[in-house]
Amino acid sequence: MRAFLATALILGGVLFLSACTTEKEAEEEPDATATPGATTAATKTPTTGAAGSPAPPRDFVRRPVLPSPQLTATAAPTQTAGPQPTVVLQPTVVSQPTVVSQPTEVSQPTVVSELSDFAKDWWRHGFGMSIDADGVGTASWRVYKWCSDDPTPPCDAIVENQIISGGNATLVFERVDESTASGRVASSNDEGMFPSGSEVLLTLLPYDMATLRHGGYETTLCGPDYADLAPKSVLETYPCGA
């Protein structure tokens, strides 16, 4: 029994020594996967001590070299442009100007004269004309030339202290337009005053007055009621002469 225990102790010691030797060799053996820098550091000549003698060997513990982490660039997310909102333009409302209605002008009735309105005696200083209901008028006027001085007609004469006008013409009025009667010269002994066949116009005026246009002349005439109808301001102007 004792011999068995002694043998077991011897075998155990041998195994312990063998394991220690194996572990030490494994620590001193260079790692095949180590980097060149790490291998160089492991086989580097030991530094000398203070007295110049080589320093005692140190056990080097090899640490695994970790690979440097690679930075992967991540692209920034692309911003996708969404649909833009549609801008709807509202139409501009232009206000219309207010139309103010103007009062309706009531036209005055046109006074349409008849030929009978012209049928009367018309006069002015040195001139007289009488128109009958048929529109036939006889006119006489002074030519201011005495027959005693020159009997060639037309000439003025004195009969029983009454002046007889030398100019004579027959007028025929045929049409009336509103307040104007139009006609022609049927006969005349003074072509300078009333040219034969020329047009004559007689237009009625207020206060029983009228305007006679003939042969380039325009004469203001007064009717029988002029003195009664015309105001004093008109009478004082003597429109038909004294």
Protein backbone atom coordinates (compact mmCIF):
# COMPACT_ATOMS: atom_id res chain seq x y z
CA MET A 1 0.00 0.00 0.00
CA ARG A 2 2.75 2.39 0.89
CA ALA A 3 4.56 1.52 -2.30
CA PHE A 4 1.37 2.37 -4.26
CA LEU A 5 1.04 5.79 -2.62
CA ALA A 6 4.66 6.63 -3.26
CA THR A 7 4.33 5.70 -6.88
CA ALA A 8 1.22 7.86 -7.25
CA LEU A 9 2.95 10.87 -5.71
CA ILE A 10 5.87 10.53 -8.06
CA LEU A 11 3.62 10.31 -11.10
CA GLY A 12 1.65 13.34 -10.00
CA GLY A 13 4.78 15.42 -9.63
CA VAL A 14 6.00 14.41 -13.03
CA LEU A 15 2.71 15.39 -14.62
CA PHE A 16 2.69 18.77 -12.85
CA LEU A 17 6.22 19.60 -14.03
CA SER A 18 5.35 18.55 -17.56
CA ALA A 19 2.30 20.82 -17.61
CA CYS A 20 4.24 23.82 -16.37
CA THR A 21 6.92 23.33 -19.00
CA THR A 22 4.34 23.10 -21.76
CA GLU A 23 2.60 26.29 -20.63
CA LYS A 24 5.82 28.26 -20.54
CA GLU A 25 6.79 27.16 -24.03
CA ALA A 26 3.40 28.12 -25.32
CA GLU A 27 3.79 31.64 -23.91
CA GLU A 28 7.27 32.08 -25.49
CA GLU A 29 6.26 30.77 -28.95
CA PRO A 30 5.47 33.68 -31.35
CA ASP A 31 1.86 33.93 -32.54
CA ALA A 32 1.53 33.25 -36.22
CA THR A 33 -1.43 35.58 -36.52
CA ALA A 34 0.24 38.50 -34.78
CA THR A 35 1.12 41.60 -36.76
CA PRO A 36 4.75 42.27 -37.77
CA GLY A 37 4.94 45.11 -35.30
CA ALA A 38 3.83 42.88 -32.48
CA THR A 39 6.35 40.16 -33.48
CA THR A 40 9.17 42.61 -33.60
CA ALA A 41 8.24 43.84 -30.17
CA ALA A 42 8.28 40.29 -28.87
CA THR A 43 11.76 39.49 -30.25
CA LYS A 44 13.24 42.80 -29.37
CA THR A 45 16.66 42.71 -27.63
CA PRO A 46 16.26 43.15 -23.92
CA THR A 47 17.36 46.51 -22.59
CA THR A 48 20.46 46.66 -20.41
CA GLY A 49 20.36 47.40 -16.80
CA ALA A 50 21.99 50.19 -14.93
CA ALA A 51 25.45 48.58 -14.82
CA GLY A 52 25.50 47.73 -18.46
CA SER A 53 24.55 44.15 -17.86
CA PRO A 54 21.67 42.74 -19.68
CA ALA A 55 18.40 43.01 -17.88
CA PRO A 56 16.82 39.81 -16.83
CA PRO A 57 14.40 38.45 -19.32
CA ARG A 58 10.79 39.41 -18.88
CA ASP A 59 7.84 37.41 -19.73
CA PHE A 60 5.97 39.08 -22.55
CA VAL A 61 2.25 38.70 -22.64
CA ARG A 62 0.96 39.00 -26.17
CA ARG A 63 -2.30 40.83 -26.54
CA PRO A 64 -4.37 40.31 -29.62
CA VAL A 65 -4.32 43.20 -32.11
CA LEU A 66 -7.86 44.42 -32.72
CA PRO A 67 -8.58 45.55 -36.25
CA SER A 68 -9.36 49.25 -36.60
CA PRO A 69 -13.08 49.84 -37.05
CA GLN A 70 -13.98 50.91 -40.58
CA LEU A 71 -16.18 53.96 -40.78
CA THR A 72 -18.85 53.44 -43.34
CA ALA A 73 -20.19 56.67 -44.82
CA THR A 74 -23.93 56.63 -44.77
CA ALA A 75 -25.53 58.76 -47.40
CA ALA A 76 -27.88 61.35 -46.09
CA PRO A 77 -31.44 60.61 -46.93
CA THR A 78 -32.49 62.34 -50.10
CA GLN A 79 -35.32 64.74 -49.52
CA THR A 80 -37.96 64.04 -52.04
CA ALA A 81 -39.78 67.15 -53.08
CA GLY A 82 -43.43 66.61 -52.66
CA PRO A 83 -46.01 68.18 -54.93
CA GLN A 84 -46.17 71.93 -54.55
CA PRO A 85 -49.56 73.37 -53.68
CA THR A 86 -51.30 74.91 -56.66
CA VAL A 87 -51.94 78.62 -56.23
CA VAL A 88 -55.32 79.54 -57.62
CA LEU A 89 -55.57 83.21 -58.56
CA GLN A 90 -58.90 84.78 -57.85
CA PRO A 91 -60.17 87.15 -60.53
CA THR A 92 -60.08 90.80 -59.60
CA VAL A 93 -63.52 92.30 -59.52
CA VAL A 94 -63.49 95.74 -61.09
CA SER A 95 -66.33 97.83 -59.87
CA GLN A 96 -68.33 99.44 -62.59
CA PRO A 97 -68.96 103.17 -62.31
CA THR A 98 -72.40 104.05 -61.19
CA VAL A 99 -74.36 105.52 -64.01
CA VAL A 100 -76.50 108.35 -62.83
CA SER A 101 -79.45 108.69 -65.08
CA GLN A 102 -79.92 112.15 -66.39
CA PRO A 103 -83.36 113.62 -66.34
CA THR A 104 -85.09 113.22 -69.63
CA GLU A 105 -85.25 116.48 -71.44
CA VAL A 106 -88.71 117.13 -72.65
CA SER A 107 -88.54 118.65 -76.08
CA GLN A 108 -90.58 121.73 -76.58
CA PRO A 109 -93.30 121.42 -79.17
CA THR A 110 -92.36 122.95 -82.47
CA VAL A 111 -94.60 125.80 -83.45
CA VAL A 112 -95.64 125.21 -87.02
CA SER A 113 -96.93 128.37 -88.65
CA GLU A 114 -99.43 128.53 -91.44
CA LEU A 115 -99.32 130.83 -94.40
CA SER A 116 -102.10 132.89 -92.88
CA ASP A 117 -99.74 133.86 -90.03
CA PHE A 118 -97.66 135.81 -92.57
CA ALA A 119 -100.65 137.47 -94.26
CA LYS A 120 -100.48 141.05 -92.95
CA ASP A 121 -98.90 144.43 -93.56
CA TRP A 122 -95.17 144.61 -92.74
CA TRP A 123 -93.23 147.81 -92.58
CA ARG A 124 -90.04 149.58 -91.64
CA HIS A 125 -88.72 153.05 -92.42
CA GLY A 126 -88.69 153.43 -96.24
CA PHE A 127 -90.09 149.92 -96.90
CA GLY A 128 -93.54 148.29 -96.88
CA MET A 129 -94.86 144.86 -97.83
CA SER A 130 -98.39 143.47 -97.82
CA ILE A 131 -99.07 139.71 -98.03
CA ASP A 132 -102.55 138.30 -98.69
CA ALA A 133 -104.00 134.96 -97.55
CA ASP A 134 -102.80 133.26 -100.76
CA GLY A 135 -99.15 134.16 -100.00
CA VAL A 136 -98.86 136.82 -102.67
CA GLY A 137 -96.99 139.88 -101.47
CA THR A 138 -96.35 143.28 -102.99
CA ALA A 139 -93.32 145.20 -101.80
CA SER A 140 -92.37 148.83 -102.34
CA TRP A 141 -89.36 150.78 -101.10
CA ARG A 142 -87.61 154.07 -101.54
CA VAL A 143 -84.67 154.22 -103.87
CA TYR A 144 -83.75 157.75 -102.74
CA LYS A 145 -83.57 159.10 -106.26
CA TRP A 146 -86.12 161.68 -107.37
CA CYS A 147 -87.81 161.28 -110.69
CA SER A 148 -87.58 165.05 -111.14
CA ASP A 149 -83.84 164.67 -111.15
CA ASP A 150 -83.65 161.43 -113.18
CA PRO A 151 -86.87 159.95 -114.56
CA THR A 152 -85.19 156.61 -115.31
CA PRO A 153 -86.96 154.04 -113.10
CA PRO A 154 -86.78 153.23 -110.40
CA CYS A 155 -87.15 156.71 -108.91
CA ASP A 156 -89.14 158.29 -106.12
CA ALA A 157 -91.88 160.85 -106.82
CA ILE A 158 -94.03 163.32 -104.89
CA VAL A 159 -97.75 163.36 -105.62
CA GLU A 160 -99.91 165.82 -103.66
CA ASN A 161 -97.28 166.11 -100.97
CA GLN A 162 -97.08 162.33 -100.59
CA ILE A 163 -93.90 160.37 -101.35
CA ILE A 164 -94.40 157.52 -103.80
CA SER A 165 -91.67 154.87 -103.46
CA GLY A 166 -89.92 154.06 -106.73
CA GLY A 167 -88.97 150.36 -106.03
CA ASN A 168 -91.60 147.70 -106.61
CA ALA A 169 -91.61 143.88 -106.57
CA THR A 170 -94.13 141.06 -106.46
CA LEU A 171 -93.30 138.15 -104.12
CA VAL A 172 -94.98 134.76 -104.01
CA PHE A 173 -94.65 132.66 -100.81
CA GLU A 174 -95.40 128.99 -101.42
CA ARG A 175 -94.14 126.93 -98.45
CA VAL A 176 -93.96 127.24 -94.66
CA ASP A 177 -91.33 125.36 -92.57
CA GLU A 178 -92.02 125.91 -88.87
CA SER A 179 -91.71 129.72 -88.55
CA THR A 180 -90.26 130.51 -91.99
CA ALA A 181 -92.13 131.08 -95.22
CA SER A 182 -90.15 130.63 -98.41
CA GLY A 183 -90.96 131.91 -101.90
CA ARG A 184 -89.56 133.67 -104.94
CA VAL A 185 -89.49 137.06 -106.63
CA ALA A 186 -92.13 137.01 -109.40
CA SER A 187 -91.28 140.48 -110.76
CA SER A 188 -89.12 143.48 -109.80
CA ASN A 189 -88.11 146.89 -111.19
CA ASP A 190 -84.96 146.92 -109.03
CA GLU A 191 -82.80 143.92 -109.82
CA GLY A 192 -80.22 145.03 -107.32
CA MET A 193 -82.71 144.92 -104.48
CA PHE A 194 -84.97 142.03 -105.50
CA PRO A 195 -83.52 140.05 -108.40
CA SER A 196 -86.28 138.44 -110.44
CA GLY A 197 -86.65 134.71 -109.77
CA SER A 198 -84.48 134.84 -106.63
CA GLU A 199 -85.50 133.21 -103.37
CA VAL A 200 -87.07 135.16 -100.54
CA LEU A 201 -87.44 134.04 -96.92
CA LEU A 202 -89.63 135.57 -94.23
CA THR A 203 -89.07 134.37 -90.64
CA LEU A 204 -91.40 135.30 -87.78
CA LEU A 205 -89.91 136.83 -84.60
CA PRO A 206 -91.36 137.62 -81.16
CA TYR A 207 -93.44 140.77 -80.59
CA ASP A 208 -95.00 140.60 -84.10
CA MET A 209 -91.68 141.14 -85.86
CA ALA A 210 -90.06 139.32 -88.79
CA THR A 211 -86.84 139.12 -90.79
CA LEU A 212 -86.91 139.32 -94.59
CA ARG A 213 -83.90 137.88 -96.48
CA HIS A 214 -83.64 138.75 -100.17
CA GLY A 215 -80.92 139.36 -102.76
CA GLY A 216 -78.14 139.33 -100.17
CA TYR A 217 -80.00 141.70 -97.85
CA GLU A 218 -81.57 141.09 -94.46
CA THR A 219 -84.29 143.48 -93.34
CA THR A 220 -86.12 143.64 -90.00
CA LEU A 221 -89.86 144.26 -90.35
CA CYS A 222 -92.59 145.08 -87.86
CA GLY A 223 -96.25 144.02 -87.96
CA PRO A 224 -99.37 145.95 -86.96
CA ASP A 225 -99.28 144.68 -83.37
CA TYR A 226 -95.58 145.37 -82.77
CA ALA A 227 -96.12 148.57 -80.73
CA ASP A 228 -98.51 146.76 -78.39
CA LEU A 229 -96.50 143.54 -77.89
CA ALA A 230 -92.90 144.72 -77.71
CA PRO A 231 -91.56 145.75 -74.27
CA LYS A 232 -90.25 149.23 -73.71
CA SER A 233 -86.65 148.01 -73.87
CA VAL A 234 -87.25 146.78 -77.44
CA LEU A 235 -89.24 149.82 -78.53
CA GLU A 236 -86.44 152.11 -77.43
CA THR A 237 -84.05 150.40 -79.89
CA TYR A 238 -86.26 151.29 -82.90
CA PRO A 239 -85.64 147.94 -84.68
CA CYS A 240 -87.87 149.05 -87.62
CA GLY A 241 -86.67 152.63 -87.74
CA ALA A 242 -88.32 155.86 -86.64
